[in-house]
Amino acid sequence: PYLKPNMDNVNLIIKTAQSERRSLLTMVEAKAVLNTFGIPTTNTISVDSAEEALNAAKLMPLPVVMKINSPDITHKQDVNGCLLYTSD
């Protein structure tokens, strides 16, 4: 069944990025917008520390890709901001 997208959420995400003078959305923001329109994305968990990231990765099916989430870093590979987690 078709569900009408919640444009208030989309507008809030875009206005937040604009208020921060960003021209790009973070990966988490972009996925939220896509999901609003019913476009499937990979599961994403946002964490605040390396320890939280490792704990979250252990709860997900492997492999897990961990990426830095920063509005200042567009290309994560440029700063070694990606890590493939396959096992302990």
C-alpha atoms as a PDB file:
ATOM      1  CA  PRO A   1       0.000   0.000   0.000  1.00  0.00           C
ATOM      2  CA  TYR A   2       1.088   3.532  -0.776  1.00  0.00           C
ATOM      3  CA  LEU A   3       1.929   5.683   2.208  1.00  0.00           C
ATOM      4  CA  LYS A   4       2.144   9.428   1.758  1.00  0.00           C
ATOM      5  CA  PRO A   5       5.712  10.588   2.526  1.00  0.00           C
ATOM      6  CA  ASN A   6       6.154  12.674   5.661  1.00  0.00           C
ATOM      7  CA  MET A   7       7.433  15.845   4.009  1.00  0.00           C
ATOM      8  CA  ASP A   8       7.773  17.571   7.394  1.00  0.00           C
ATOM      9  CA  ASN A   9      10.640  15.187   8.224  1.00  0.00           C
ATOM     10  CA  VAL A  10      12.271  15.708   4.821  1.00  0.00           C
ATOM     11  CA  ASN A  11      11.985  19.487   5.120  1.00  0.00           C
ATOM     12  CA  LEU A  12      13.431  19.413   8.638  1.00  0.00           C
ATOM     13  CA  ILE A  13      16.453  17.418   7.465  1.00  0.00           C
ATOM     14  CA  ILE A  14      17.064  19.780   4.554  1.00  0.00           C
ATOM     15  CA  LYS A  15      16.545  22.929   6.633  1.00  0.00           C
ATOM     16  CA  THR A  16      18.937  21.628   9.281  1.00  0.00           C
ATOM     17  CA  ALA A  17      21.635  21.043   6.666  1.00  0.00           C
ATOM     18  CA  GLN A  18      21.006  24.481   5.172  1.00  0.00           C
ATOM     19  CA  SER A  19      21.157  26.178   8.576  1.00  0.00           C
ATOM     20  CA  GLU A  20      24.570  24.560   9.051  1.00  0.00           C
ATOM     21  CA  ARG A  21      25.585  25.924   5.621  1.00  0.00           C
ATOM     22  CA  ARG A  22      25.986  22.422   4.217  1.00  0.00           C
ATOM     23  CA  SER A  23      25.280  21.600   0.593  1.00  0.00           C
ATOM     24  CA  LEU A  24      25.365  17.841   1.210  1.00  0.00           C
ATOM     25  CA  LEU A  25      23.409  15.591   3.534  1.00  0.00           C
ATOM     26  CA  THR A  26      25.178  13.109   5.775  1.00  0.00           C
ATOM     27  CA  MET A  27      24.714   9.437   4.938  1.00  0.00           C
ATOM     28  CA  VAL A  28      22.242   9.070   7.813  1.00  0.00           C
ATOM     29  CA  GLU A  29      20.238  12.096   6.639  1.00  0.00           C
ATOM     30  CA  ALA A  30      20.224  10.945   3.014  1.00  0.00           C
ATOM     31  CA  LYS A  31      19.006   7.482   3.992  1.00  0.00           C
ATOM     32  CA  ALA A  32      16.243   9.006   6.109  1.00  0.00           C
ATOM     33  CA  VAL A  33      15.052  11.024   3.105  1.00  0.00           C
ATOM     34  CA  LEU A  34      15.175   7.971   0.824  1.00  0.00           C
ATOM     35  CA  ASN A  35      13.263   5.867   3.366  1.00  0.00           C
ATOM     36  CA  THR A  36      10.593   8.566   3.596  1.00  0.00           C
ATOM     37  CA  PHE A  37       9.859   7.976  -0.085  1.00  0.00           C
ATOM     38  CA  GLY A  38       9.825   4.193   0.323  1.00  0.00           C
ATOM     39  CA  ILE A  39      13.259   3.674  -1.230  1.00  0.00           C
ATOM     40  CA  PRO A  40      14.994   0.863   0.650  1.00  0.00           C
ATOM     41  CA  THR A  41      18.469   1.398   2.086  1.00  0.00           C
ATOM     42  CA  THR A  42      20.892  -0.673   4.112  1.00  0.00           C
ATOM     43  CA  ASN A  43      20.451  -0.802   7.880  1.00  0.00           C
ATOM     44  CA  THR A  44      22.225   2.074   9.586  1.00  0.00           C
ATOM     45  CA  ILE A  45      23.007   2.599  13.238  1.00  0.00           C
ATOM     46  CA  SER A  46      24.492   5.869  14.419  1.00  0.00           C
ATOM     47  CA  VAL A  47      26.871   5.705  17.391  1.00  0.00           C
ATOM     48  CA  ASP A  48      29.091   8.155  19.261  1.00  0.00           C
ATOM     49  CA  SER A  49      32.201   6.126  20.072  1.00  0.00           C
ATOM     50  CA  ALA A  50      34.418   3.316  18.826  1.00  0.00           C
ATOM     51  CA  GLU A  51      33.186   1.108  21.670  1.00  0.00           C
ATOM     52  CA  GLU A  52      29.546   1.688  20.701  1.00  0.00           C
ATOM     53  CA  ALA A  53      30.426   0.932  17.065  1.00  0.00           C
ATOM     54  CA  LEU A  54      32.003  -2.403  17.952  1.00  0.00           C
ATOM     55  CA  ASN A  55      29.073  -3.342  20.186  1.00  0.00           C
ATOM     56  CA  ALA A  56      26.588  -2.443  17.433  1.00  0.00           C
ATOM     57  CA  ALA A  57      28.577  -4.401  14.843  1.00  0.00           C
ATOM     58  CA  LYS A  58      28.431  -7.505  17.019  1.00  0.00           C
ATOM     59  CA  LEU A  59      24.614  -7.366  16.938  1.00  0.00           C
ATOM     60  CA  MET A  60      24.379  -7.183  13.148  1.00  0.00           C
ATOM     61  CA  PRO A  61      24.865  -9.914  10.568  1.00  0.00           C
ATOM     62  CA  LEU A  62      28.361  -9.921   9.099  1.00  0.00           C
ATOM     63  CA  PRO A  63      30.000  -8.365   7.238  1.00  0.00           C
ATOM     64  CA  VAL A  64      29.453  -4.860   8.618  1.00  0.00           C
ATOM     65  CA  VAL A  65      30.882  -1.681   7.135  1.00  0.00           C
ATOM     66  CA  MET A  66      31.593   1.071   9.625  1.00  0.00           C
ATOM     67  CA  LYS A  67      31.913   4.618   8.287  1.00  0.00           C
ATOM     68  CA  ILE A  68      32.695   7.913   9.908  1.00  0.00           C
ATOM     69  CA  ASN A  69      29.627  10.159   9.980  1.00  0.00           C
ATOM     70  CA  SER A  70      30.663  13.779   9.663  1.00  0.00           C
ATOM     71  CA  PRO A  71      29.173  16.621   7.642  1.00  0.00           C
ATOM     72  CA  ASP A  72      32.753  17.803   7.059  1.00  0.00           C
ATOM     73  CA  ILE A  73      33.934  14.550   5.439  1.00  0.00           C
ATOM     74  CA  THR A  74      32.355  13.696   2.103  1.00  0.00           C
ATOM     75  CA  HIS A  75      34.804  11.026   0.930  1.00  0.00           C
ATOM     76  CA  LYS A  76      35.375   8.693   3.850  1.00  0.00           C
ATOM     77  CA  GLN A  77      38.174   6.760   2.110  1.00  0.00           C
ATOM     78  CA  ASP A  78      40.262   9.955   1.925  1.00  0.00           C
ATOM     79  CA  VAL A  79      40.595   9.946   5.731  1.00  0.00           C
ATOM     80  CA  ASN A  80      40.561   6.181   6.283  1.00  0.00           C
ATOM     81  CA  GLY A  81      37.010   6.585   7.562  1.00  0.00           C
ATOM     82  CA  CYS A  82      35.739   3.132   6.493  1.00  0.00           C
ATOM     83  CA  LEU A  83      36.272  -0.184   8.217  1.00  0.00           C
ATOM     84  CA  LEU A  84      35.029  -3.618   7.171  1.00  0.00           C
ATOM     85  CA  TYR A  85      34.203  -5.733  10.225  1.00  0.00           C
ATOM     86  CA  THR A  86      34.041  -9.450   9.466  1.00  0.00           C
ATOM     87  CA  SER A  87      34.629 -11.246  12.775  1.00  0.00           C
ATOM     88  CA  ASP A  88      36.231 -10.950  16.225  1.00  0.00           C
END
